[in-house]
Amino acid sequence: MRWRRVRLANVRVIGPLQAEVATGLRSRAIGVWLILSAVTLLIVVAIIAAPLAQAHDHTLFAGSIYKTFSYLCHQIPERSLHVAGYQFAVCSRCTGLYAGFAFATLSYPLIRSLKRTDTPPIIWLLLAALPLGIDFALGYFSIWQNNHASRFITGALLGGVAAFYILPGLIDLSAKIKRRKSAPPAVAGGLTS
């Protein structure tokens, strides 16, 4: 049997302190992802729950959801999806934005490591916004009549891509806050007694 030498140029040995820091960053990233996933799912559920609550005579609950989302969306009935005879809490484009963002947030760890806090080039976000802008402009100038499907799909595309910019930013922000809180306090004037 002959032994071969293997060069391990890309292997880096880390100490216990570095491993602890890496584990802390990983768990913090998972925590941020879980919180954002829960919030986005809650928003999507609320959008759909409003008409269902209205249909089952829970008007106070439905009204509070509609009122909350009225600050974020025009809620024009003709531009909103309907279920059980009542419109969603937001228009079809906003529904697409929230649903796309929620889906991308949930699937994020399958596509990209949560440890990465860099964002894709900004051109991808601009390209994702382009179909939405075109769909809006063509409808606004009465060149083409957009519909629920075009509004939802263009919104979902932008919302899905936006998650790849927002989630890394939130993970990075949480790491910076943690570093700031764990840093030793600065001494005024640099003198200690």
N, C-alpha and C. Protein backbone atom coordinates (compact mmCIF):
# COMPACT_ATOMS: atom_id res chain seq x y z
N MET A 1 0.84 -1.16 0.00
CA MET A 1 0.00 0.00 0.00
C MET A 1 0.89 1.24 0.00
N ARG A 2 0.60 2.16 -0.88
CA ARG A 2 1.37 3.37 -1.00
C ARG A 2 0.57 4.55 -0.45
N TRP A 3 1.22 5.39 0.37
CA TRP A 3 0.59 6.57 0.94
C TRP A 3 0.83 7.76 0.04
N ARG A 4 -0.21 8.54 -0.15
CA ARG A 4 -0.07 9.75 -0.97
C ARG A 4 -0.17 10.97 -0.08
N ARG A 5 0.61 11.95 -0.44
CA ARG A 5 0.51 13.22 0.27
C ARG A 5 -0.63 14.03 -0.34
N VAL A 6 -1.41 14.64 0.52
CA VAL A 6 -2.50 15.49 0.07
C VAL A 6 -2.23 16.89 0.60
N ARG A 7 -2.26 17.82 -0.27
CA ARG A 7 -2.04 19.21 0.13
C ARG A 7 -3.37 19.82 0.55
N LEU A 8 -3.40 20.39 1.69
CA LEU A 8 -4.61 20.99 2.24
C LEU A 8 -4.48 22.51 2.25
N ALA A 9 -4.34 23.08 1.11
CA ALA A 9 -4.12 24.53 1.02
C ALA A 9 -5.35 25.33 1.43
N ASN A 10 -6.52 24.81 1.17
CA ASN A 10 -7.73 25.58 1.45
C ASN A 10 -8.36 25.25 2.80
N VAL A 11 -7.68 24.45 3.59
CA VAL A 11 -8.21 24.09 4.90
C VAL A 11 -7.65 25.07 5.92
N ARG A 12 -8.54 25.61 6.74
CA ARG A 12 -8.13 26.56 7.76
C ARG A 12 -8.52 26.00 9.12
N VAL A 13 -7.57 25.96 10.02
CA VAL A 13 -7.83 25.47 11.36
C VAL A 13 -8.28 26.66 12.20
N ILE A 14 -9.40 26.46 12.90
CA ILE A 14 -9.89 27.54 13.74
C ILE A 14 -9.85 27.10 15.20
N GLY A 15 -9.68 28.06 16.03
CA GLY A 15 -9.62 27.77 17.46
C GLY A 15 -11.00 27.73 18.07
N PRO A 16 -11.08 27.38 19.36
CA PRO A 16 -12.38 27.28 20.03
C PRO A 16 -13.14 28.59 20.07
N LEU A 17 -12.44 29.72 20.24
CA LEU A 17 -13.11 31.02 20.29
C LEU A 17 -13.72 31.36 18.93
N GLN A 18 -12.97 31.10 17.86
CA GLN A 18 -13.49 31.36 16.51
C GLN A 18 -14.68 30.46 16.21
N ALA A 19 -14.63 29.22 16.65
CA ALA A 19 -15.75 28.29 16.43
C ALA A 19 -16.99 28.78 17.19
N GLU A 20 -16.79 29.30 18.40
CA GLU A 20 -17.91 29.81 19.18
C GLU A 20 -18.54 31.03 18.50
N VAL A 21 -17.70 31.92 17.97
CA VAL A 21 -18.20 33.10 17.26
C VAL A 21 -18.96 32.68 16.01
N ALA A 22 -18.41 31.72 15.25
CA ALA A 22 -19.08 31.23 14.04
C ALA A 22 -20.42 30.60 14.37
N THR A 23 -20.47 29.83 15.46
CA THR A 23 -21.73 29.21 15.87
C THR A 23 -22.74 30.27 16.28
N GLY A 24 -22.29 31.32 16.97
CA GLY A 24 -23.18 32.41 17.37
C GLY A 24 -23.74 33.14 16.17
N LEU A 25 -22.91 33.39 15.17
CA LEU A 25 -23.37 34.06 13.95
C LEU A 25 -24.39 33.20 13.22
N ARG A 26 -24.12 31.90 13.16
CA ARG A 26 -25.02 30.99 12.47
C ARG A 26 -26.37 30.94 13.17
N SER A 27 -26.35 30.83 14.49
CA SER A 27 -27.62 30.76 15.22
C SER A 27 -28.37 32.08 15.14
N ARG A 28 -27.66 33.20 15.14
CA ARG A 28 -28.31 34.50 15.01
C ARG A 28 -28.94 34.62 13.62
N ALA A 29 -28.24 34.16 12.59
CA ALA A 29 -28.78 34.21 11.23
C ALA A 29 -30.04 33.35 11.11
N ILE A 30 -30.01 32.19 11.73
CA ILE A 30 -31.19 31.32 11.72
C ILE A 30 -32.35 32.00 12.46
N GLY A 31 -32.05 32.65 13.57
CA GLY A 31 -33.07 33.37 14.32
C GLY A 31 -33.71 34.48 13.51
N VAL A 32 -32.88 35.26 12.82
CA VAL A 32 -33.40 36.34 11.97
C VAL A 32 -34.29 35.75 10.87
N TRP A 33 -33.82 34.67 10.26
CA TRP A 33 -34.59 34.03 9.19
C TRP A 33 -35.93 33.51 9.72
N LEU A 34 -35.92 32.88 10.88
CA LEU A 34 -37.16 32.35 11.44
C LEU A 34 -38.15 33.47 11.77
N ILE A 35 -37.66 34.55 12.35
CA ILE A 35 -38.54 35.67 12.69
C ILE A 35 -39.12 36.30 11.43
N LEU A 36 -38.27 36.55 10.44
CA LEU A 36 -38.76 37.15 9.19
C LEU A 36 -39.74 36.22 8.49
N SER A 37 -39.47 34.93 8.50
CA SER A 37 -40.39 33.95 7.88
C SER A 37 -41.73 33.98 8.58
N ALA A 38 -41.72 34.01 9.91
CA ALA A 38 -42.98 34.04 10.66
C ALA A 38 -43.77 35.31 10.38
N VAL A 39 -43.08 36.45 10.34
CA VAL A 39 -43.75 37.73 10.09
C VAL A 39 -44.35 37.75 8.68
N THR A 40 -43.59 37.30 7.69
CA THR A 40 -44.11 37.33 6.32
C THR A 40 -45.28 36.37 6.14
N LEU A 41 -45.21 35.21 6.77
CA LEU A 41 -46.34 34.28 6.70
C LEU A 41 -47.57 34.86 7.39
N LEU A 42 -47.36 35.52 8.51
CA LEU A 42 -48.46 36.16 9.23
C LEU A 42 -49.13 37.22 8.36
N ILE A 43 -48.33 37.99 7.63
CA ILE A 43 -48.88 39.02 6.75
C ILE A 43 -49.72 38.39 5.64
N VAL A 44 -49.19 37.34 5.00
CA VAL A 44 -49.94 36.68 3.92
C VAL A 44 -51.22 36.06 4.45
N VAL A 45 -51.15 35.45 5.63
CA VAL A 45 -52.35 34.87 6.24
C VAL A 45 -53.37 35.96 6.55
N ALA A 46 -52.93 37.10 7.04
CA ALA A 46 -53.84 38.21 7.36
C ALA A 46 -54.52 38.73 6.10
N ILE A 47 -53.77 38.80 4.99
CA ILE A 47 -54.35 39.28 3.73
C ILE A 47 -55.51 38.40 3.30
N ILE A 48 -55.35 37.09 3.47
CA ILE A 48 -56.40 36.14 3.06
C ILE A 48 -57.46 35.99 4.16
N ALA A 49 -57.08 36.19 5.41
CA ALA A 49 -58.02 36.02 6.52
C ALA A 49 -59.09 37.11 6.54
N ALA A 50 -58.76 38.30 6.07
CA ALA A 50 -59.72 39.41 6.11
C ALA A 50 -61.03 39.07 5.38
N PRO A 51 -60.97 38.64 4.11
CA PRO A 51 -62.25 38.32 3.47
C PRO A 51 -62.95 37.09 4.07
N LEU A 52 -62.16 36.14 4.54
CA LEU A 52 -62.77 34.96 5.16
C LEU A 52 -63.46 35.33 6.47
N ALA A 53 -62.84 36.20 7.25
CA ALA A 53 -63.47 36.68 8.48
C ALA A 53 -64.73 37.47 8.18
N GLN A 54 -64.66 38.30 7.15
CA GLN A 54 -65.83 39.09 6.74
C GLN A 54 -66.97 38.17 6.31
N ALA A 55 -66.64 37.11 5.59
CA ALA A 55 -67.67 36.18 5.12
C ALA A 55 -68.32 35.42 6.27
N HIS A 56 -67.60 35.25 7.38
CA HIS A 56 -68.14 34.52 8.53
C HIS A 56 -68.59 35.47 9.65
N ASP A 57 -68.93 36.69 9.27
CA ASP A 57 -69.49 37.69 10.17
C ASP A 57 -68.57 38.08 11.34
N HIS A 58 -67.28 38.03 11.12
CA HIS A 58 -66.32 38.56 12.10
C HIS A 58 -65.87 39.93 11.59
N THR A 59 -66.83 40.84 11.52
CA THR A 59 -66.59 42.13 10.86
C THR A 59 -65.59 43.01 11.61
N LEU A 60 -65.57 42.94 12.92
CA LEU A 60 -64.62 43.75 13.69
C LEU A 60 -63.18 43.31 13.40
N PHE A 61 -62.95 42.00 13.42
CA PHE A 61 -61.63 41.45 13.12
C PHE A 61 -61.23 41.77 11.68
N ALA A 62 -62.15 41.52 10.75
CA ALA A 62 -61.87 41.81 9.33
C ALA A 62 -61.61 43.29 9.13
N GLY A 63 -62.42 44.12 9.76
CA GLY A 63 -62.27 45.57 9.62
C GLY A 63 -60.92 46.07 10.11
N SER A 64 -60.42 45.46 11.20
CA SER A 64 -59.11 45.89 11.70
C SER A 64 -58.00 45.51 10.73
N ILE A 65 -58.14 44.37 10.08
CA ILE A 65 -57.14 43.96 9.08
C ILE A 65 -57.20 44.89 7.87
N TYR A 66 -58.41 45.12 7.36
CA TYR A 66 -58.56 46.03 6.22
C TYR A 66 -58.01 47.42 6.54
N LYS A 67 -58.31 47.92 7.73
CA LYS A 67 -57.85 49.25 8.13
C LYS A 67 -56.32 49.30 8.20
N THR A 68 -55.71 48.27 8.77
CA THR A 68 -54.25 48.23 8.87
C THR A 68 -53.61 48.26 7.49
N PHE A 69 -54.11 47.46 6.57
CA PHE A 69 -53.53 47.41 5.23
C PHE A 69 -53.91 48.61 4.37
N SER A 70 -54.91 49.38 4.80
CA SER A 70 -55.30 50.56 4.02
C SER A 70 -54.21 51.61 4.00
N TYR A 71 -53.32 51.56 4.98
CA TYR A 71 -52.19 52.50 5.00
C TYR A 71 -51.10 52.10 4.02
N LEU A 72 -51.15 50.88 3.51
CA LEU A 72 -50.12 50.36 2.62
C LEU A 72 -50.59 50.16 1.19
N CYS A 73 -51.90 50.09 0.98
CA CYS A 73 -52.44 49.74 -0.34
C CYS A 73 -53.73 50.51 -0.60
N HIS A 74 -54.00 50.77 -1.88
CA HIS A 74 -55.22 51.50 -2.25
C HIS A 74 -56.48 50.67 -2.06
N GLN A 75 -56.37 49.36 -2.10
CA GLN A 75 -57.49 48.43 -1.88
C GLN A 75 -58.67 48.65 -2.84
N ILE A 76 -58.41 49.01 -4.06
CA ILE A 76 -59.49 49.18 -5.05
C ILE A 76 -60.09 47.80 -5.34
N PRO A 77 -61.40 47.63 -5.15
CA PRO A 77 -62.01 46.30 -5.31
C PRO A 77 -61.78 45.68 -6.69
N GLU A 78 -61.81 46.49 -7.75
CA GLU A 78 -61.64 45.94 -9.10
C GLU A 78 -60.22 45.43 -9.33
N ARG A 79 -59.28 45.87 -8.52
CA ARG A 79 -57.89 45.45 -8.68
C ARG A 79 -57.46 44.44 -7.61
N SER A 80 -58.42 43.95 -6.85
CA SER A 80 -58.13 43.01 -5.77
C SER A 80 -58.69 41.64 -6.07
N LEU A 81 -57.99 40.63 -5.59
CA LEU A 81 -58.51 39.27 -5.67
C LEU A 81 -59.62 39.13 -4.63
N HIS A 82 -60.54 38.20 -4.88
CA HIS A 82 -61.66 38.00 -3.98
C HIS A 82 -61.75 36.54 -3.57
N VAL A 83 -62.21 36.32 -2.35
CA VAL A 83 -62.51 34.97 -1.88
C VAL A 83 -63.77 35.08 -1.01
N ALA A 84 -64.65 34.12 -1.15
CA ALA A 84 -65.91 34.07 -0.40
C ALA A 84 -66.74 35.34 -0.62
N GLY A 85 -66.58 35.96 -1.78
CA GLY A 85 -67.36 37.15 -2.11
C GLY A 85 -66.79 38.45 -1.58
N TYR A 86 -65.65 38.42 -0.93
CA TYR A 86 -65.04 39.62 -0.37
C TYR A 86 -63.60 39.76 -0.88
N GLN A 87 -63.16 41.01 -1.00
CA GLN A 87 -61.83 41.27 -1.54
C GLN A 87 -60.74 40.99 -0.52
N PHE A 88 -59.55 40.65 -1.01
CA PHE A 88 -58.38 40.50 -0.15
C PHE A 88 -58.10 41.83 0.54
N ALA A 89 -57.25 41.80 1.55
CA ALA A 89 -56.94 43.02 2.29
C ALA A 89 -56.08 43.98 1.49
N VAL A 90 -55.44 43.50 0.42
CA VAL A 90 -54.63 44.35 -0.45
C VAL A 90 -54.94 43.97 -1.90
N CYS A 91 -54.51 44.82 -2.83
CA CYS A 91 -54.74 44.57 -4.25
C CYS A 91 -53.93 43.37 -4.72
N SER A 92 -54.16 42.94 -5.94
CA SER A 92 -53.47 41.75 -6.45
C SER A 92 -51.97 41.98 -6.60
N ARG A 93 -51.53 43.19 -6.94
CA ARG A 93 -50.09 43.47 -7.06
C ARG A 93 -49.42 43.38 -5.68
N CYS A 94 -50.04 43.98 -4.67
CA CYS A 94 -49.50 43.91 -3.31
C CYS A 94 -49.54 42.47 -2.78
N THR A 95 -50.59 41.74 -3.11
CA THR A 95 -50.66 40.33 -2.72
C THR A 95 -49.47 39.58 -3.31
N GLY A 96 -49.16 39.85 -4.57
CA GLY A 96 -48.00 39.23 -5.20
C GLY A 96 -46.70 39.62 -4.53
N LEU A 97 -46.56 40.91 -4.18
CA LEU A 97 -45.35 41.37 -3.48
C LEU A 97 -45.15 40.61 -2.17
N TYR A 98 -46.21 40.55 -1.36
CA TYR A 98 -46.11 39.88 -0.07
C TYR A 98 -45.92 38.37 -0.22
N ALA A 99 -46.66 37.75 -1.14
CA ALA A 99 -46.54 36.30 -1.34
C ALA A 99 -45.16 35.94 -1.90
N GLY A 100 -44.67 36.70 -2.86
CA GLY A 100 -43.35 36.45 -3.42
C GLY A 100 -42.26 36.61 -2.38
N PHE A 101 -42.38 37.66 -1.56
CA PHE A 101 -41.40 37.88 -0.50
C PHE A 101 -41.43 36.74 0.51
N ALA A 102 -42.64 36.30 0.89
CA ALA A 102 -42.77 35.20 1.86
C ALA A 102 -42.19 33.91 1.30
N PHE A 103 -42.50 33.60 0.05
CA PHE A 103 -41.99 32.36 -0.56
C PHE A 103 -40.47 32.39 -0.65
N ALA A 104 -39.91 33.51 -1.08
CA ALA A 104 -38.45 33.62 -1.21
C ALA A 104 -37.78 33.58 0.17
N THR A 105 -38.39 34.19 1.17
CA THR A 105 -37.83 34.15 2.51
C THR A 105 -37.81 32.73 3.06
N LEU A 106 -38.91 32.01 2.87
CA LEU A 106 -38.98 30.63 3.34
C LEU A 106 -37.97 29.73 2.63
N SER A 107 -37.78 29.93 1.34
CA SER A 107 -36.89 29.06 0.57
C SER A 107 -35.45 29.57 0.55
N TYR A 108 -35.18 30.70 1.14
CA TYR A 108 -33.85 31.31 1.12
C TYR A 108 -32.72 30.36 1.51
N PRO A 109 -32.84 29.62 2.64
CA PRO A 109 -31.73 28.74 3.04
C PRO A 109 -31.46 27.61 2.05
N LEU A 110 -32.43 27.28 1.22
CA LEU A 110 -32.22 26.25 0.21
C LEU A 110 -31.46 26.78 -1.00
N ILE A 111 -31.48 28.09 -1.17
CA ILE A 111 -30.87 28.73 -2.33
C ILE A 111 -29.53 29.36 -2.00
N ARG A 112 -29.43 29.90 -0.81
CA ARG A 112 -28.24 30.66 -0.42
C ARG A 112 -27.97 30.48 1.06
N SER A 113 -26.73 30.44 1.44
CA SER A 113 -26.35 30.25 2.84
C SER A 113 -26.78 31.46 3.68
N LEU A 114 -27.31 31.18 4.85
CA LEU A 114 -27.70 32.25 5.76
C LEU A 114 -26.48 32.98 6.32
N LYS A 115 -25.30 32.39 6.22
CA LYS A 115 -24.08 33.03 6.73
C LYS A 115 -23.61 34.16 5.81
N ARG A 116 -24.08 34.15 4.58
CA ARG A 116 -23.66 35.20 3.64
C ARG A 116 -24.49 36.46 3.87
N THR A 117 -23.80 37.57 4.04
CA THR A 117 -24.51 38.84 4.23
C THR A 117 -24.29 39.78 3.05
N ASP A 118 -23.60 39.31 2.03
CA ASP A 118 -23.45 40.12 0.83
C ASP A 118 -24.73 40.00 0.01
N THR A 119 -25.03 41.02 -0.75
CA THR A 119 -26.23 41.00 -1.58
C THR A 119 -25.84 40.83 -3.04
N PRO A 120 -26.77 40.34 -3.85
CA PRO A 120 -26.49 40.24 -5.28
C PRO A 120 -26.30 41.64 -5.87
N PRO A 121 -25.74 41.72 -7.06
CA PRO A 121 -25.63 43.04 -7.70
C PRO A 121 -27.01 43.71 -7.82
N ILE A 122 -27.06 45.00 -7.64
CA ILE A 122 -28.31 45.77 -7.63
C ILE A 122 -29.07 45.66 -8.95
N ILE A 123 -28.37 45.32 -10.02
CA ILE A 123 -29.02 45.20 -11.33
C ILE A 123 -30.14 44.17 -11.30
N TRP A 124 -29.99 43.10 -10.47
CA TRP A 124 -31.04 42.07 -10.40
C TRP A 124 -32.32 42.63 -9.78
N LEU A 125 -32.18 43.50 -8.81
CA LEU A 125 -33.36 44.12 -8.21
C LEU A 125 -34.03 45.06 -9.21
N LEU A 126 -33.23 45.81 -9.95
CA LEU A 126 -33.79 46.71 -10.97
C LEU A 126 -34.47 45.92 -12.09
N LEU A 127 -33.85 44.82 -12.49
CA LEU A 127 -34.47 43.98 -13.53
C LEU A 127 -35.77 43.34 -13.05
N ALA A 128 -35.84 43.01 -11.77
CA ALA A 128 -37.08 42.45 -11.21
C ALA A 128 -38.18 43.50 -11.13
N ALA A 129 -37.80 44.76 -10.95
CA ALA A 129 -38.79 45.84 -10.87
C ALA A 129 -39.27 46.25 -12.26
N LEU A 130 -38.49 45.98 -13.27
CA LEU A 130 -38.82 46.42 -14.64
C LEU A 130 -40.17 45.88 -15.13
N PRO A 131 -40.46 44.58 -15.04
CA PRO A 131 -41.78 44.10 -15.49
C PRO A 131 -42.94 44.77 -14.76
N LEU A 132 -42.76 45.01 -13.45
CA LEU A 132 -43.81 45.68 -12.68
C LEU A 132 -44.01 47.09 -13.20
N GLY A 133 -42.92 47.79 -13.44
CA GLY A 133 -43.01 49.16 -13.97
C GLY A 133 -43.66 49.20 -15.34
N ILE A 134 -43.30 48.25 -16.20
CA ILE A 134 -43.89 48.20 -17.54
C ILE A 134 -45.38 47.89 -17.44
N ASP A 135 -45.74 46.90 -16.61
CA ASP A 135 -47.15 46.53 -16.45
C ASP A 135 -47.95 47.71 -15.93
N PHE A 136 -47.42 48.43 -14.96
CA PHE A 136 -48.10 49.60 -14.42
C PHE A 136 -48.24 50.69 -15.48
N ALA A 137 -47.13 51.00 -16.18
CA ALA A 137 -47.14 52.09 -17.16
C ALA A 137 -48.09 51.80 -18.32
N LEU A 138 -48.08 50.58 -18.81
CA LEU A 138 -48.96 50.24 -19.93
C LEU A 138 -50.43 50.37 -19.53
N GLY A 139 -50.75 49.99 -18.30
CA GLY A 139 -52.12 50.14 -17.81
C GLY A 139 -52.47 51.58 -17.54
N TYR A 140 -51.53 52.34 -16.98
CA TYR A 140 -51.77 53.73 -16.63
C TYR A 140 -52.02 54.58 -17.88
N PHE A 141 -51.26 54.33 -18.94
CA PHE A 141 -51.41 55.09 -20.18
C PHE A 141 -52.40 54.45 -21.15
N SER A 142 -53.18 53.49 -20.67
CA SER A 142 -54.22 52.81 -21.44
C SER A 142 -53.71 52.20 -22.75
N ILE A 143 -52.48 51.74 -22.73
CA ILE A 143 -51.91 51.04 -23.89
C ILE A 143 -52.31 49.58 -23.84
N TRP A 144 -52.35 49.04 -22.63
CA TRP A 144 -52.69 47.64 -22.43
C TRP A 144 -53.43 47.52 -21.12
N GLN A 145 -54.46 46.72 -21.10
CA GLN A 145 -55.23 46.54 -19.87
C GLN A 145 -54.64 45.39 -19.07
N ASN A 146 -53.96 45.74 -17.97
CA ASN A 146 -53.40 44.66 -17.15
C ASN A 146 -54.51 43.99 -16.37
N ASN A 147 -54.22 42.83 -15.80
CA ASN A 147 -55.23 42.05 -15.10
C ASN A 147 -54.66 41.53 -13.77
N HIS A 148 -55.45 40.77 -13.06
CA HIS A 148 -55.00 40.25 -11.77
C HIS A 148 -53.74 39.41 -11.92
N ALA A 149 -53.69 38.59 -12.95
CA ALA A 149 -52.53 37.71 -13.13
C ALA A 149 -51.25 38.51 -13.38
N SER A 150 -51.31 39.49 -14.27
CA SER A 150 -50.10 40.28 -14.56
C SER A 150 -49.67 41.09 -13.34
N ARG A 151 -50.62 41.60 -12.60
CA ARG A 151 -50.28 42.36 -11.40
C ARG A 151 -49.66 41.46 -10.34
N PHE A 152 -50.28 40.30 -10.12
CA PHE A 152 -49.78 39.37 -9.11
C PHE A 152 -48.39 38.86 -9.49
N ILE A 153 -48.19 38.45 -10.71
CA ILE A 153 -46.91 37.87 -11.13
C ILE A 153 -45.78 38.89 -11.07
N THR A 154 -46.03 40.11 -11.57
CA THR A 154 -44.97 41.12 -11.51
C THR A 154 -44.66 41.52 -10.07
N GLY A 155 -45.68 41.56 -9.22
CA GLY A 155 -45.46 41.84 -7.80
C GLY A 155 -44.68 40.72 -7.13
N ALA A 156 -45.04 39.48 -7.42
CA ALA A 156 -44.35 38.33 -6.82
C ALA A 156 -42.89 38.28 -7.25
N LEU A 157 -42.61 38.63 -8.49
CA LEU A 157 -41.22 38.64 -8.96
C LEU A 157 -40.40 39.65 -8.17
N LEU A 158 -40.90 40.86 -8.04
CA LEU A 158 -40.18 41.88 -7.29
C LEU A 158 -40.06 41.52 -5.81
N GLY A 159 -41.13 41.04 -5.22
CA GLY A 159 -41.10 40.65 -3.81
C GLY A 159 -40.12 39.52 -3.56
N GLY A 160 -40.09 38.54 -4.46
CA GLY A 160 -39.17 37.42 -4.31
C GLY A 160 -37.72 37.84 -4.40
N VAL A 161 -37.41 38.69 -5.34
CA VAL A 161 -36.03 39.15 -5.49
C VAL A 161 -35.64 40.06 -4.33
N ALA A 162 -36.57 40.86 -3.85
CA ALA A 162 -36.27 41.79 -2.74
C ALA A 162 -35.83 41.04 -1.48
N ALA A 163 -36.33 39.83 -1.29
CA ALA A 163 -35.95 39.05 -0.11
C ALA A 163 -34.44 38.79 -0.08
N PHE A 164 -33.82 38.69 -1.25
CA PHE A 164 -32.38 38.40 -1.31
C PHE A 164 -31.53 39.64 -1.02
N TYR A 165 -32.17 40.77 -0.84
CA TYR A 165 -31.49 41.99 -0.42
C TYR A 165 -31.82 42.31 1.04
N ILE A 166 -33.06 42.08 1.43
CA ILE A 166 -33.51 42.44 2.77
C ILE A 166 -33.00 41.47 3.83
N LEU A 167 -33.11 40.16 3.58
CA LEU A 167 -32.69 39.19 4.58
C LEU A 167 -31.19 39.28 4.91
N PRO A 168 -30.29 39.35 3.92
CA PRO A 168 -28.88 39.51 4.28
C PRO A 168 -28.62 40.81 5.05
N GLY A 169 -29.34 41.86 4.70
CA GLY A 169 -29.19 43.12 5.42
C GLY A 169 -29.61 43.01 6.87
N LEU A 170 -30.71 42.31 7.13
CA LEU A 170 -31.18 42.13 8.50
C LEU A 170 -30.23 41.24 9.30
N ILE A 171 -29.69 40.21 8.66
CA ILE A 171 -28.72 39.34 9.34
C ILE A 171 -27.46 40.14 9.69
N ASP A 172 -26.99 40.94 8.75
CA ASP A 172 -25.80 41.77 8.99
C ASP A 172 -26.08 42.79 10.09
N LEU A 173 -27.25 43.40 10.07
CA LEU A 173 -27.63 44.36 11.09
C LEU A 173 -27.66 43.72 12.47
N SER A 174 -28.22 42.52 12.57
CA SER A 174 -28.27 41.84 13.88
C SER A 174 -26.87 41.52 14.37
N ALA A 175 -25.96 41.15 13.47
CA ALA A 175 -24.57 40.87 13.87
C ALA A 175 -23.89 42.15 14.37
N LYS A 176 -24.14 43.26 13.70
CA LYS A 176 -23.53 44.53 14.12
C LYS A 176 -24.07 44.99 15.47
N ILE A 177 -25.35 44.80 15.69
CA ILE A 177 -25.95 45.15 16.99
C ILE A 177 -25.35 44.28 18.08
N LYS A 178 -25.18 42.99 17.80
CA LYS A 178 -24.60 42.08 18.78
C LYS A 178 -23.16 42.48 19.09
N ARG A 179 -22.37 42.82 18.08
CA ARG A 179 -20.99 43.24 18.30
C ARG A 179 -20.94 44.52 19.12
N ARG A 180 -21.83 45.44 18.83
CA ARG A 180 -21.85 46.71 19.56
C ARG A 180 -22.20 46.49 21.03
N LYS A 181 -23.16 45.59 21.28
CA LYS A 181 -23.57 45.32 22.66
C LYS A 181 -22.49 44.57 23.43
N SER A 182 -21.73 43.72 22.76
CA SER A 182 -20.72 42.91 23.45
C SER A 182 -19.35 43.59 23.51
N ALA A 183 -19.20 44.74 22.83
CA ALA A 183 -17.92 45.45 22.87
C ALA A 183 -17.73 46.08 24.24
N PRO A 184 -16.49 46.12 24.73
CA PRO A 184 -16.26 46.76 26.04
C PRO A 184 -16.57 48.24 25.94
N PRO A 185 -17.07 48.82 27.01
CA PRO A 185 -17.41 50.25 26.99
C PRO A 185 -16.14 51.09 26.83
N ALA A 186 -16.28 52.16 26.07
CA ALA A 186 -15.16 53.07 25.87
C ALA A 186 -15.00 53.94 27.12
N VAL A 187 -13.77 54.20 27.46
CA VAL A 187 -13.47 55.03 28.62
C VAL A 187 -13.23 56.45 28.15
N ALA A 188 -13.87 57.41 28.79
CA ALA A 188 -13.73 58.81 28.39
C ALA A 188 -12.28 59.26 28.58
N GLY A 189 -11.71 59.84 27.56
CA GLY A 189 -10.36 60.37 27.63
C GLY A 189 -9.28 59.31 27.61
N GLY A 190 -9.66 58.05 27.60
CA GLY A 190 -8.68 56.98 27.52
C GLY A 190 -7.98 56.69 28.84
N LEU A 191 -8.37 57.35 29.93
CA LEU A 191 -7.72 57.14 31.22
C LEU A 191 -8.62 56.34 32.13
N THR A 192 -8.02 55.49 32.90
CA THR A 192 -8.78 54.73 33.90
C THR A 192 -8.19 55.05 35.26
N SER A 193 -8.96 54.90 36.29
CA SER A 193 -8.44 55.19 37.64
C SER A 193 -8.08 53.92 38.37
